[in-house]
Amino acid sequence: DSKYNFEDIDCLYKGTNSAESIFFRDQGRINSGYAMEHTLF
């Protein structure tokens, strides 16, 4: 909201510049037993 013109790309739908569609869960990691929070790409 300032003169900095800051930009971000956020995975969360509630986020500032929400871009949920460009992120995905890696199925190979899920199959290998990674915790869900370690599978976002």
PDB file of all heavy atoms in Angstrom:
ATOM      1  N   ASP A   1       0.809  -1.211   0.000  1.00  0.00           N
ATOM      2  CA  ASP A   1       0.000   0.000   0.000  1.00  0.00           C
ATOM      3  C   ASP A   1       0.849   1.271   0.000  1.00  0.00           C
ATOM      4  O   ASP A   1       0.312   2.372  -0.018  1.00  0.00           O
ATOM      5  CB  ASP A   1      -0.922   0.012   1.232  1.00  0.00           C
ATOM      6  CG  ASP A   1      -1.980  -1.075   1.164  1.00  0.00           C
ATOM      7  OD1 ASP A   1      -2.217  -1.596   0.055  1.00  0.00           O
ATOM      8  OD2 ASP A   1      -2.537  -1.434   2.207  1.00  0.00           O
ATOM      9  N   SER A   2       2.161   1.123   0.023  1.00  0.00           N
ATOM     10  CA  SER A   2       3.054   2.281   0.093  1.00  0.00           C
ATOM     11  C   SER A   2       3.704   2.522  -1.259  1.00  0.00           C
ATOM     12  O   SER A   2       3.424   1.851  -2.243  1.00  0.00           O
ATOM     13  CB  SER A   2       4.137   2.035   1.150  1.00  0.00           C
ATOM     14  OG  SER A   2       5.078   1.094   0.652  1.00  0.00           O
ATOM     15  N   LYS A   3       4.633   3.478  -1.271  1.00  0.00           N
ATOM     16  CA  LYS A   3       5.370   3.797  -2.491  1.00  0.00           C
ATOM     17  C   LYS A   3       6.429   2.754  -2.826  1.00  0.00           C
ATOM     18  O   LYS A   3       7.106   2.858  -3.842  1.00  0.00           O
ATOM     19  CB  LYS A   3       6.034   5.174  -2.355  1.00  0.00           C
ATOM     20  CG  LYS A   3       5.041   6.301  -2.163  1.00  0.00           C
ATOM     21  CD  LYS A   3       4.138   6.481  -3.378  1.00  0.00           C
ATOM     22  CE  LYS A   3       3.192   7.645  -3.179  1.00  0.00           C
ATOM     23  NZ  LYS A   3       2.311   7.838  -4.353  1.00  0.00           N
ATOM     24  N   TYR A   4       6.580   1.730  -1.962  1.00  0.00           N
ATOM     25  CA  TYR A   4       7.565   0.694  -2.233  1.00  0.00           C
ATOM     26  C   TYR A   4       7.140  -0.225  -3.380  1.00  0.00           C
ATOM     27  O   TYR A   4       7.964  -0.898  -3.979  1.00  0.00           O
ATOM     28  CB  TYR A   4       7.793  -0.164  -0.988  1.00  0.00           C
ATOM     29  CG  TYR A   4       8.576   0.524   0.095  1.00  0.00           C
ATOM     30  CD1 TYR A   4       7.956   0.886   1.290  1.00  0.00           C
ATOM     31  CD2 TYR A   4       9.930   0.792  -0.056  1.00  0.00           C
ATOM     32  CE1 TYR A   4       8.677   1.507   2.302  1.00  0.00           C
ATOM     33  CE2 TYR A   4      10.651   1.415   0.943  1.00  0.00           C
ATOM     34  CZ  TYR A   4      10.017   1.767   2.118  1.00  0.00           C
ATOM     35  OH  TYR A   4      10.731   2.383   3.114  1.00  0.00           O
ATOM     36  N   ASN A   5       5.837  -0.313  -3.647  1.00  0.00           N
ATOM     37  CA  ASN A   5       5.325  -1.201  -4.692  1.00  0.00           C
ATOM     38  C   ASN A   5       5.806  -2.637  -4.493  1.00  0.00           C
ATOM     39  O   ASN A   5       6.205  -3.309  -5.444  1.00  0.00           O
ATOM     40  CB  ASN A   5       5.745  -0.701  -6.086  1.00  0.00           C
ATOM     41  CG  ASN A   5       5.160   0.656  -6.416  1.00  0.00           C
ATOM     42  OD1 ASN A   5       4.002   0.931  -6.117  1.00  0.00           O
ATOM     43  ND2 ASN A   5       5.959   1.517  -7.024  1.00  0.00           N
ATOM     44  N   PHE A   6       5.765  -3.107  -3.260  1.00  0.00           N
ATOM     45  CA  PHE A   6       6.203  -4.463  -2.962  1.00  0.00           C
ATOM     46  C   PHE A   6       5.276  -5.472  -3.629  1.00  0.00           C
ATOM     47  O   PHE A   6       4.073  -5.244  -3.744  1.00  0.00           O
ATOM     48  CB  PHE A   6       6.224  -4.688  -1.450  1.00  0.00           C
ATOM     49  CG  PHE A   6       6.859  -5.981  -1.026  1.00  0.00           C
ATOM     50  CD1 PHE A   6       8.229  -6.069  -0.884  1.00  0.00           C
ATOM     51  CD2 PHE A   6       6.089  -7.108  -0.788  1.00  0.00           C
ATOM     52  CE1 PHE A   6       8.833  -7.257  -0.495  1.00  0.00           C
ATOM     53  CE2 PHE A   6       6.678  -8.297  -0.399  1.00  0.00           C
ATOM     54  CZ  PHE A   6       8.053  -8.376  -0.247  1.00  0.00           C
ATOM     55  N   GLU A   7       5.845  -6.598  -4.081  1.00  0.00           N
ATOM     56  CA  GLU A   7       5.060  -7.650  -4.722  1.00  0.00           C
ATOM     57  C   GLU A   7       5.422  -8.996  -4.111  1.00  0.00           C
ATOM     58  O   GLU A   7       6.582  -9.251  -3.778  1.00  0.00           O
ATOM     59  CB  GLU A   7       5.330  -7.701  -6.231  1.00  0.00           C
ATOM     60  CG  GLU A   7       5.036  -6.419  -6.974  1.00  0.00           C
ATOM     61  CD  GLU A   7       3.543  -6.140  -7.154  1.00  0.00           C
ATOM     62  OE1 GLU A   7       2.722  -6.948  -6.689  1.00  0.00           O
ATOM     63  OE2 GLU A   7       3.215  -5.110  -7.760  1.00  0.00           O
ATOM     64  N   ASP A   8       4.408  -9.855  -3.975  1.00  0.00           N
ATOM     65  CA  ASP A   8       4.680 -11.234  -3.586  1.00  0.00           C
ATOM     66  C   ASP A   8       3.775 -12.178  -4.371  1.00  0.00           C
ATOM     67  O   ASP A   8       2.849 -11.756  -5.066  1.00  0.00           O
ATOM     68  CB  ASP A   8       4.492 -11.427  -2.077  1.00  0.00           C
ATOM     69  CG  ASP A   8       3.028 -11.472  -1.655  1.00  0.00           C
ATOM     70  OD1 ASP A   8       2.186 -10.856  -2.341  1.00  0.00           O
ATOM     71  OD2 ASP A   8       2.711 -12.114  -0.635  1.00  0.00           O
ATOM     72  N   ILE A   9       4.097 -13.451  -4.306  1.00  0.00           N
ATOM     73  CA  ILE A   9       3.290 -14.513  -4.917  1.00  0.00           C
ATOM     74  C   ILE A   9       3.074 -15.544  -3.826  1.00  0.00           C
ATOM     75  O   ILE A   9       4.017 -16.212  -3.390  1.00  0.00           O
ATOM     76  CB  ILE A   9       3.995 -15.124  -6.135  1.00  0.00           C
ATOM     77  CG1 ILE A   9       4.237 -14.063  -7.206  1.00  0.00           C
ATOM     78  CG2 ILE A   9       3.183 -16.277  -6.713  1.00  0.00           C
ATOM     79  CD1 ILE A   9       5.039 -14.564  -8.403  1.00  0.00           C
ATOM     80  N   ASP A  10       1.838 -15.684  -3.375  1.00  0.00           N
ATOM     81  CA  ASP A  10       1.517 -16.460  -2.182  1.00  0.00           C
ATOM     82  C   ASP A  10       0.676 -17.676  -2.542  1.00  0.00           C
ATOM     83  O   ASP A  10      -0.263 -17.579  -3.329  1.00  0.00           O
ATOM     84  CB  ASP A  10       0.766 -15.558  -1.196  1.00  0.00           C
ATOM     85  CG  ASP A  10       0.555 -16.196   0.166  1.00  0.00           C
ATOM     86  OD1 ASP A  10       1.036 -17.329   0.387  1.00  0.00           O
ATOM     87  OD2 ASP A  10      -0.082 -15.558   1.008  1.00  0.00           O
ATOM     88  N   CYS A  11       1.025 -18.808  -1.948  1.00  0.00           N
ATOM     89  CA  CYS A  11       0.265 -20.033  -2.208  1.00  0.00           C
ATOM     90  C   CYS A  11      -1.113 -20.014  -1.575  1.00  0.00           C
ATOM     91  O   CYS A  11      -2.054 -20.609  -2.105  1.00  0.00           O
ATOM     92  CB  CYS A  11       1.049 -21.238  -1.684  1.00  0.00           C
ATOM     93  SG  CYS A  11       0.147 -22.799  -1.713  1.00  0.00           S
ATOM     94  N   LEU A  12      -1.261 -19.340  -0.442  1.00  0.00           N
ATOM     95  CA  LEU A  12      -2.502 -19.443   0.316  1.00  0.00           C
ATOM     96  C   LEU A  12      -3.614 -18.608  -0.312  1.00  0.00           C
ATOM     97  O   LEU A  12      -3.388 -17.466  -0.720  1.00  0.00           O
ATOM     98  CB  LEU A  12      -2.280 -19.011   1.757  1.00  0.00           C
ATOM     99  CG  LEU A  12      -1.237 -19.811   2.554  1.00  0.00           C
ATOM    100  CD1 LEU A  12      -1.320 -19.458   4.026  1.00  0.00           C
ATOM    101  CD2 LEU A  12      -1.389 -21.309   2.355  1.00  0.00           C
ATOM    102  N   TYR A  13      -4.809 -19.140  -0.332  1.00  0.00           N
ATOM    103  CA  TYR A  13      -5.957 -18.447  -0.925  1.00  0.00           C
ATOM    104  C   TYR A  13      -6.282 -17.165  -0.171  1.00  0.00           C
ATOM    105  O   TYR A  13      -6.809 -16.212  -0.737  1.00  0.00           O
ATOM    106  CB  TYR A  13      -7.184 -19.362  -0.946  1.00  0.00           C
ATOM    107  CG  TYR A  13      -7.806 -19.599   0.402  1.00  0.00           C
ATOM    108  CD1 TYR A  13      -8.830 -18.770   0.881  1.00  0.00           C
ATOM    109  CD2 TYR A  13      -7.377 -20.639   1.220  1.00  0.00           C
ATOM    110  CE1 TYR A  13      -9.390 -18.977   2.133  1.00  0.00           C
ATOM    111  CE2 TYR A  13      -7.935 -20.851   2.462  1.00  0.00           C
ATOM    112  CZ  TYR A  13      -8.943 -20.020   2.913  1.00  0.00           C
ATOM    113  OH  TYR A  13      -9.481 -20.220   4.145  1.00  0.00           O
ATOM    114  N   LYS A  14      -5.936 -17.125   1.115  1.00  0.00           N
ATOM    115  CA  LYS A  14      -6.200 -15.920   1.920  1.00  0.00           C
ATOM    116  C   LYS A  14      -5.068 -14.902   1.796  1.00  0.00           C
ATOM    117  O   LYS A  14      -5.107 -13.847   2.408  1.00  0.00           O
ATOM    118  CB  LYS A  14      -6.343 -16.310   3.402  1.00  0.00           C
ATOM    119  CG  LYS A  14      -5.031 -16.778   4.035  1.00  0.00           C
ATOM    120  CD  LYS A  14      -5.189 -17.099   5.515  1.00  0.00           C
ATOM    121  CE  LYS A  14      -3.853 -17.513   6.129  1.00  0.00           C
ATOM    122  NZ  LYS A  14      -3.970 -17.818   7.563  1.00  0.00           N
ATOM    123  N   GLY A  15      -4.055 -15.223   1.004  1.00  0.00           N
ATOM    124  CA  GLY A  15      -2.853 -14.416   0.948  1.00  0.00           C
ATOM    125  C   GLY A  15      -3.025 -13.105   0.220  1.00  0.00           C
ATOM    126  O   GLY A  15      -4.111 -12.762  -0.263  1.00  0.00           O
ATOM    127  N   THR A  16      -1.928 -12.380   0.111  1.00  0.00           N
ATOM    128  CA  THR A  16      -1.952 -11.037  -0.455  1.00  0.00           C
ATOM    129  C   THR A  16      -2.076 -11.066  -1.975  1.00  0.00           C
ATOM    130  O   THR A  16      -2.992 -10.489  -2.544  1.00  0.00           O
ATOM    131  CB  THR A  16      -0.687 -10.292  -0.015  1.00  0.00           C
ATOM    132  OG1 THR A  16       0.420 -11.201  -0.008  1.00  0.00           O
ATOM    133  CG2 THR A  16      -0.848  -9.737   1.383  1.00  0.00           C
ATOM    134  N   ASN A  17      -1.136 -11.733  -2.649  1.00  0.00           N
ATOM    135  CA  ASN A  17      -1.262 -11.995  -4.086  1.00  0.00           C
ATOM    136  C   ASN A  17      -1.451 -13.496  -4.240  1.00  0.00           C
ATOM    137  O   ASN A  17      -0.519 -14.226  -4.567  1.00  0.00           O
ATOM    138  CB  ASN A  17      -0.005 -11.543  -4.841  1.00  0.00           C
ATOM    139  CG  ASN A  17      -0.102 -10.115  -5.334  1.00  0.00           C
ATOM    140  OD1 ASN A  17      -1.192  -9.598  -5.545  1.00  0.00           O
ATOM    141  ND2 ASN A  17       1.035  -9.471  -5.520  1.00  0.00           N
ATOM    142  N   SER A  18      -2.632 -13.962  -3.982  1.00  0.00           N
ATOM    143  CA  SER A  18      -2.877 -15.408  -3.963  1.00  0.00           C
ATOM    144  C   SER A  18      -2.668 -16.008  -5.345  1.00  0.00           C
ATOM    145  O   SER A  18      -3.216 -15.540  -6.340  1.00  0.00           O
ATOM    146  CB  SER A  18      -4.303 -15.690  -3.487  1.00  0.00           C
ATOM    147  OG  SER A  18      -4.539 -17.080  -3.463  1.00  0.00           O
ATOM    148  N   ALA A  19      -1.841 -17.049  -5.392  1.00  0.00           N
ATOM    149  CA  ALA A  19      -1.547 -17.745  -6.654  1.00  0.00           C
ATOM    150  C   ALA A  19      -1.579 -19.250  -6.411  1.00  0.00           C
ATOM    151  O   ALA A  19      -0.691 -19.994  -6.828  1.00  0.00           O
ATOM    152  CB  ALA A  19      -0.193 -17.312  -7.186  1.00  0.00           C
ATOM    153  N   GLU A  20      -2.610 -19.689  -5.724  1.00  0.00           N
ATOM    154  CA  GLU A  20      -2.712 -21.077  -5.285  1.00  0.00           C
ATOM    155  C   GLU A  20      -2.538 -22.065  -6.443  1.00  0.00           C
ATOM    156  O   GLU A  20      -1.949 -23.141  -6.272  1.00  0.00           O
ATOM    157  CB  GLU A  20      -4.068 -21.286  -4.605  1.00  0.00           C
ATOM    158  CG  GLU A  20      -4.248 -22.644  -3.963  1.00  0.00           C
ATOM    159  CD  GLU A  20      -5.587 -22.764  -3.269  1.00  0.00           C
ATOM    160  OE1 GLU A  20      -6.430 -21.860  -3.439  1.00  0.00           O
ATOM    161  OE2 GLU A  20      -5.791 -23.768  -2.560  1.00  0.00           O
ATOM    162  N   SER A  21      -2.990 -21.704  -7.619  1.00  0.00           N
ATOM    163  CA  SER A  21      -3.003 -22.644  -8.749  1.00  0.00           C
ATOM    164  C   SER A  21      -1.609 -23.001  -9.263  1.00  0.00           C
ATOM    165  O   SER A  21      -1.447 -24.013  -9.946  1.00  0.00           O
ATOM    166  CB  SER A  21      -3.832 -22.065  -9.900  1.00  0.00           C
ATOM    167  OG  SER A  21      -3.250 -20.870 -10.389  1.00  0.00           O
ATOM    168  N   ILE A  22      -0.594 -22.178  -8.979  1.00  0.00           N
ATOM    169  CA  ILE A  22       0.727 -22.475  -9.531  1.00  0.00           C
ATOM    170  C   ILE A  22       1.569 -23.339  -8.603  1.00  0.00           C
ATOM    171  O   ILE A  22       2.700 -23.707  -8.941  1.00  0.00           O
ATOM    172  CB  ILE A  22       1.503 -21.188  -9.882  1.00  0.00           C
ATOM    173  CG1 ILE A  22       1.983 -20.463  -8.613  1.00  0.00           C
ATOM    174  CG2 ILE A  22       0.669 -20.267 -10.756  1.00  0.00           C
ATOM    175  CD1 ILE A  22       2.982 -19.355  -8.894  1.00  0.00           C
ATOM    176  N   PHE A  23       1.042 -23.681  -7.425  1.00  0.00           N
ATOM    177  CA  PHE A  23       1.738 -24.551  -6.489  1.00  0.00           C
ATOM    178  C   PHE A  23       1.106 -25.941  -6.524  1.00  0.00           C
ATOM    179  O   PHE A  23      -0.072 -26.092  -6.844  1.00  0.00           O
ATOM    180  CB  PHE A  23       1.663 -23.989  -5.070  1.00  0.00           C
ATOM    181  CG  PHE A  23       2.349 -22.656  -4.907  1.00  0.00           C
ATOM    182  CD1 PHE A  23       1.688 -21.471  -5.229  1.00  0.00           C
ATOM    183  CD2 PHE A  23       3.647 -22.582  -4.436  1.00  0.00           C
ATOM    184  CE1 PHE A  23       2.309 -20.241  -5.074  1.00  0.00           C
ATOM    185  CE2 PHE A  23       4.278 -21.352  -4.280  1.00  0.00           C
ATOM    186  CZ  PHE A  23       3.612 -20.175  -4.600  1.00  0.00           C
ATOM    187  N   PHE A  24       1.879 -26.959  -6.161  1.00  0.00           N
ATOM    188  CA  PHE A  24       1.352 -28.330  -6.185  1.00  0.00           C
ATOM    189  C   PHE A  24       2.067 -29.173  -5.139  1.00  0.00           C
ATOM    190  O   PHE A  24       3.190 -28.875  -4.728  1.00  0.00           O
ATOM    191  CB  PHE A  24       1.536 -28.941  -7.573  1.00  0.00           C
ATOM    192  CG  PHE A  24       2.964 -28.992  -8.054  1.00  0.00           C
ATOM    193  CD1 PHE A  24       3.778 -30.092  -7.780  1.00  0.00           C
ATOM    194  CD2 PHE A  24       3.512 -27.925  -8.757  1.00  0.00           C
ATOM    195  CE1 PHE A  24       5.099 -30.137  -8.208  1.00  0.00           C
ATOM    196  CE2 PHE A  24       4.836 -27.956  -9.192  1.00  0.00           C
ATOM    197  CZ  PHE A  24       5.629 -29.066  -8.911  1.00  0.00           C
ATOM    198  N   ARG A  25       1.390 -30.233  -4.733  1.00  0.00           N
ATOM    199  CA  ARG A  25       1.975 -31.202  -3.818  1.00  0.00           C
ATOM    200  C   ARG A  25       2.679 -32.286  -4.644  1.00  0.00           C
ATOM    201  O   ARG A  25       2.118 -32.817  -5.595  1.00  0.00           O
ATOM    202  CB  ARG A  25       0.901 -31.853  -2.945  1.00  0.00           C
ATOM    203  CG  ARG A  25       0.184 -30.890  -2.014  1.00  0.00           C
ATOM    204  CD  ARG A  25       1.059 -30.432  -0.866  1.00  0.00           C
ATOM    205  NE  ARG A  25       0.369 -29.479   0.010  1.00  0.00           N
ATOM    206  CZ  ARG A  25       0.940 -28.911   1.063  1.00  0.00           C
ATOM    207  NH1 ARG A  25       2.195 -29.197   1.377  1.00  0.00           N
ATOM    208  NH2 ARG A  25       0.277 -28.047   1.797  1.00  0.00           N
ATOM    209  N   ASP A  26       3.911 -32.592  -4.279  1.00  0.00           N
ATOM    210  CA  ASP A  26       4.681 -33.593  -5.007  1.00  0.00           C
ATOM    211  C   ASP A  26       4.269 -34.997  -4.565  1.00  0.00           C
ATOM    212  O   ASP A  26       4.496 -35.388  -3.423  1.00  0.00           O
ATOM    213  CB  ASP A  26       6.170 -33.375  -4.759  1.00  0.00           C
ATOM    214  CG  ASP A  26       7.036 -34.357  -5.512  1.00  0.00           C
ATOM    215  OD1 ASP A  26       7.271 -34.126  -6.722  1.00  0.00           O
ATOM    216  OD2 ASP A  26       7.459 -35.357  -4.908  1.00  0.00           O
ATOM    217  N   GLN A  27       3.658 -35.739  -5.478  1.00  0.00           N
ATOM    218  CA  GLN A  27       3.123 -37.042  -5.133  1.00  0.00           C
ATOM    219  C   GLN A  27       4.224 -38.027  -4.763  1.00  0.00           C
ATOM    220  O   GLN A  27       4.047 -38.894  -3.897  1.00  0.00           O
ATOM    221  CB  GLN A  27       2.297 -37.611  -6.302  1.00  0.00           C
ATOM    222  CG  GLN A  27       1.480 -38.840  -5.935  1.00  0.00           C
ATOM    223  CD  GLN A  27       0.480 -38.577  -4.824  1.00  0.00           C
ATOM    224  OE1 GLN A  27      -0.260 -37.588  -4.862  1.00  0.00           O
ATOM    225  NE2 GLN A  27       0.448 -39.445  -3.818  1.00  0.00           N
ATOM    226  N   GLY A  28       5.378 -37.895  -5.408  1.00  0.00           N
ATOM    227  CA  GLY A  28       6.491 -38.776  -5.066  1.00  0.00           C
ATOM    228  C   GLY A  28       6.910 -38.623  -3.619  1.00  0.00           C
ATOM    229  O   GLY A  28       7.212 -39.617  -2.936  1.00  0.00           O
ATOM    230  N   ARG A  29       6.931 -37.399  -3.138  1.00  0.00           N
ATOM    231  CA  ARG A  29       7.272 -37.170  -1.730  1.00  0.00           C
ATOM    232  C   ARG A  29       6.191 -37.710  -0.801  1.00  0.00           C
ATOM    233  O   ARG A  29       6.493 -38.290   0.244  1.00  0.00           O
ATOM    234  CB  ARG A  29       7.496 -35.678  -1.472  1.00  0.00           C
ATOM    235  CG  ARG A  29       8.801 -35.147  -2.024  1.00  0.00           C
ATOM    236  CD  ARG A  29       9.242 -33.879  -1.329  1.00  0.00           C
ATOM    237  NE  ARG A  29      10.662 -33.641  -1.566  1.00  0.00           N
ATOM    238  CZ  ARG A  29      11.415 -32.828  -0.861  1.00  0.00           C
ATOM    239  NH1 ARG A  29      10.897 -32.144   0.142  1.00  0.00           N
ATOM    240  NH2 ARG A  29      12.701 -32.670  -1.135  1.00  0.00           N
ATOM    241  N   ILE A  30       4.956 -37.496  -1.187  1.00  0.00           N
ATOM    242  CA  ILE A  30       3.853 -38.019  -0.370  1.00  0.00           C
ATOM    243  C   ILE A  30       3.959 -39.539  -0.271  1.00  0.00           C
ATOM    244  O   ILE A  30       3.841 -40.127   0.817  1.00  0.00           O
ATOM    245  CB  ILE A  30       2.494 -37.606  -0.969  1.00  0.00           C
ATOM    246  CG1 ILE A  30       2.327 -36.080  -0.890  1.00  0.00           C
ATOM    247  CG2 ILE A  30       1.353 -38.311  -0.247  1.00  0.00           C
ATOM    248  CD1 ILE A  30       1.098 -35.562  -1.599  1.00  0.00           C
ATOM    249  N   ASN A  31       4.216 -40.186  -1.386  1.00  0.00           N
ATOM    250  CA  ASN A  31       4.348 -41.647  -1.403  1.00  0.00           C
ATOM    251  C   ASN A  31       5.546 -42.133  -0.591  1.00  0.00           C
ATOM    252  O   ASN A  31       5.553 -43.248  -0.072  1.00  0.00           O
ATOM    253  CB  ASN A  31       4.471 -42.157  -2.841  1.00  0.00           C
ATOM    254  CG  ASN A  31       3.215 -41.912  -3.663  1.00  0.00           C
ATOM    255  OD1 ASN A  31       2.145 -41.661  -3.110  1.00  0.00           O
ATOM    256  ND2 ASN A  31       3.343 -41.965  -4.976  1.00  0.00           N
ATOM    257  N   SER A  32       6.567 -41.282  -0.503  1.00  0.00           N
ATOM    258  CA  SER A  32       7.780 -41.651   0.237  1.00  0.00           C
ATOM    259  C   SER A  32       7.669 -41.385   1.725  1.00  0.00           C
ATOM    260  O   SER A  32       8.618 -41.654   2.475  1.00  0.00           O
ATOM    261  CB  SER A  32       8.981 -40.885  -0.328  1.00  0.00           C
ATOM    262  OG  SER A  32       9.201 -41.211  -1.682  1.00  0.00           O
ATOM    263  N   GLY A  33       6.549 -40.810   2.160  1.00  0.00           N
ATOM    264  CA  GLY A  33       6.317 -40.611   3.577  1.00  0.00           C
ATOM    265  C   GLY A  33       6.732 -39.268   4.120  1.00  0.00           C
ATOM    266  O   GLY A  33       6.784 -39.075   5.345  1.00  0.00           O
ATOM    267  N   TYR A  34       7.020 -38.298   3.238  1.00  0.00           N
ATOM    268  CA  TYR A  34       7.316 -36.948   3.708  1.00  0.00           C
ATOM    269  C   TYR A  34       6.076 -36.358   4.395  1.00  0.00           C
ATOM    270  O   TYR A  34       4.943 -36.594   3.955  1.00  0.00           O
ATOM    271  CB  TYR A  34       7.694 -36.029   2.540  1.00  0.00           C
ATOM    272  CG  TYR A  34       9.132 -36.118   2.082  1.00  0.00           C
ATOM    273  CD1 TYR A  34       9.557 -37.142   1.250  1.00  0.00           C
ATOM    274  CD2 TYR A  34      10.054 -35.138   2.466  1.00  0.00           C
ATOM    275  CE1 TYR A  34      10.875 -37.214   0.816  1.00  0.00           C
ATOM    276  CE2 TYR A  34      11.376 -35.197   2.026  1.00  0.00           C
ATOM    277  CZ  TYR A  34      11.783 -36.241   1.212  1.00  0.00           C
ATOM    278  OH  TYR A  34      13.081 -36.306   0.778  1.00  0.00           O
ATOM    279  N   ALA A  35       6.290 -35.593   5.458  1.00  0.00           N
ATOM    280  CA  ALA A  35       5.188 -34.849   6.059  1.00  0.00           C
ATOM    281  C   ALA A  35       4.628 -33.881   5.027  1.00  0.00           C
ATOM    282  O   ALA A  35       5.362 -33.366   4.172  1.00  0.00           O
ATOM    283  CB  ALA A  35       5.676 -34.089   7.293  1.00  0.00           C
ATOM    284  N   MET A  36       3.334 -33.615   5.096  1.00  0.00           N
ATOM    285  CA  MET A  36       2.666 -32.823   4.064  1.00  0.00           C
ATOM    286  C   MET A  36       3.300 -31.438   3.894  1.00  0.00           C
ATOM    287  O   MET A  36       3.385 -30.921   2.773  1.00  0.00           O
ATOM    288  CB  MET A  36       1.180 -32.684   4.396  1.00  0.00           C
ATOM    289  CG  MET A  36       0.355 -32.140   3.249  1.00  0.00           C
ATOM    290  SD  MET A  36       0.397 -33.202   1.767  1.00  0.00           S
ATOM    291  CE  MET A  36      -0.471 -34.658   2.364  1.00  0.00           C
ATOM    292  N   GLU A  37       3.783 -30.834   4.988  1.00  0.00           N
ATOM    293  CA  GLU A  37       4.359 -29.494   4.885  1.00  0.00           C
ATOM    294  C   GLU A  37       5.695 -29.480   4.135  1.00  0.00           C
ATOM    295  O   GLU A  37       6.231 -28.404   3.849  1.00  0.00           O
ATOM    296  CB  GLU A  37       4.534 -28.849   6.261  1.00  0.00           C
ATOM    297  CG  GLU A  37       5.326 -29.670   7.242  1.00  0.00           C
ATOM    298  CD  GLU A  37       4.444 -30.544   8.115  1.00  0.00           C
ATOM    299  OE1 GLU A  37       3.339 -30.913   7.673  1.00  0.00           O
ATOM    300  OE2 GLU A  37       4.860 -30.849   9.242  1.00  0.00           O
ATOM    301  N   HIS A  38       6.227 -30.650   3.804  1.00  0.00           N
ATOM    302  CA  HIS A  38       7.481 -30.731   3.060  1.00  0.00           C
ATOM    303  C   HIS A  38       7.259 -31.148   1.603  1.00  0.00           C
ATOM    304  O   HIS A  38       8.205 -31.545   0.921  1.00  0.00           O
ATOM    305  CB  HIS A  38       8.435 -31.727   3.721  1.00  0.00           C
ATOM    306  CG  HIS A  38       8.658 -31.487   5.175  1.00  0.00           C
ATOM    307  ND1 HIS A  38       8.720 -30.224   5.722  1.00  0.00           N
ATOM    308  CD2 HIS A  38       8.811 -32.352   6.215  1.00  0.00           C
ATOM    309  CE1 HIS A  38       8.921 -30.320   7.031  1.00  0.00           C
ATOM    310  NE2 HIS A  38       8.969 -31.596   7.352  1.00  0.00           N
ATOM    311  N   THR A  39       6.045 -31.020   1.121  1.00  0.00           N
ATOM    312  CA  THR A  39       5.730 -31.528  -0.220  1.00  0.00           C
ATOM    313  C   THR A  39       5.272 -30.449  -1.194  1.00  0.00           C
ATOM    314  O   THR A  39       4.908 -30.757  -2.325  1.00  0.00           O
ATOM    315  CB  THR A  39       4.627 -32.603  -0.148  1.00  0.00           C
ATOM    316  OG1 THR A  39       3.406 -32.005   0.329  1.00  0.00           O
ATOM    317  CG2 THR A  39       5.030 -33.743   0.773  1.00  0.00           C
ATOM    318  N   LEU A  40       5.284 -29.180  -0.772  1.00  0.00           N
ATOM    319  CA  LEU A  40       4.739 -28.116  -1.618  1.00  0.00           C
ATOM    320  C   LEU A  40       5.813 -27.567  -2.561  1.00  0.00           C
ATOM    321  O   LEU A  40       6.891 -27.166  -2.120  1.00  0.00           O
ATOM    322  CB  LEU A  40       4.184 -26.989  -0.759  1.00  0.00           C
ATOM    323  CG  LEU A  40       3.449 -25.879  -1.521  1.00  0.00           C
ATOM    324  CD1 LEU A  40       2.150 -26.414  -2.121  1.00  0.00           C
ATOM    325  CD2 LEU A  40       3.166 -24.695  -0.623  1.00  0.00           C
ATOM    326  N   PHE A  41       5.484 -27.524  -3.856  1.00  0.00           N
ATOM    327  CA  PHE A  41       6.438 -27.086  -4.877  1.00  0.00           C
ATOM    328  C   PHE A  41       5.763 -26.141  -5.861  1.00  0.00           C
ATOM    329  O   PHE A  41       4.542 -26.024  -5.915  1.00  0.00           O
ATOM    330  CB  PHE A  41       6.991 -28.291  -5.660  1.00  0.00           C
ATOM    331  CG  PHE A  41       8.020 -29.088  -4.926  1.00  0.00           C
ATOM    332  CD1 PHE A  41       7.649 -29.982  -3.925  1.00  0.00           C
ATOM    333  CD2 PHE A  41       9.361 -28.951  -5.221  1.00  0.00           C
ATOM    334  CE1 PHE A  41       8.596 -30.717  -3.234  1.00  0.00           C
ATOM    335  CE2 PHE A  41      10.324 -29.693  -4.545  1.00  0.00           C
ATOM    336  CZ  PHE A  41       9.948 -30.576  -3.556  1.00  0.00           C
TER     337      PHE A  41
END
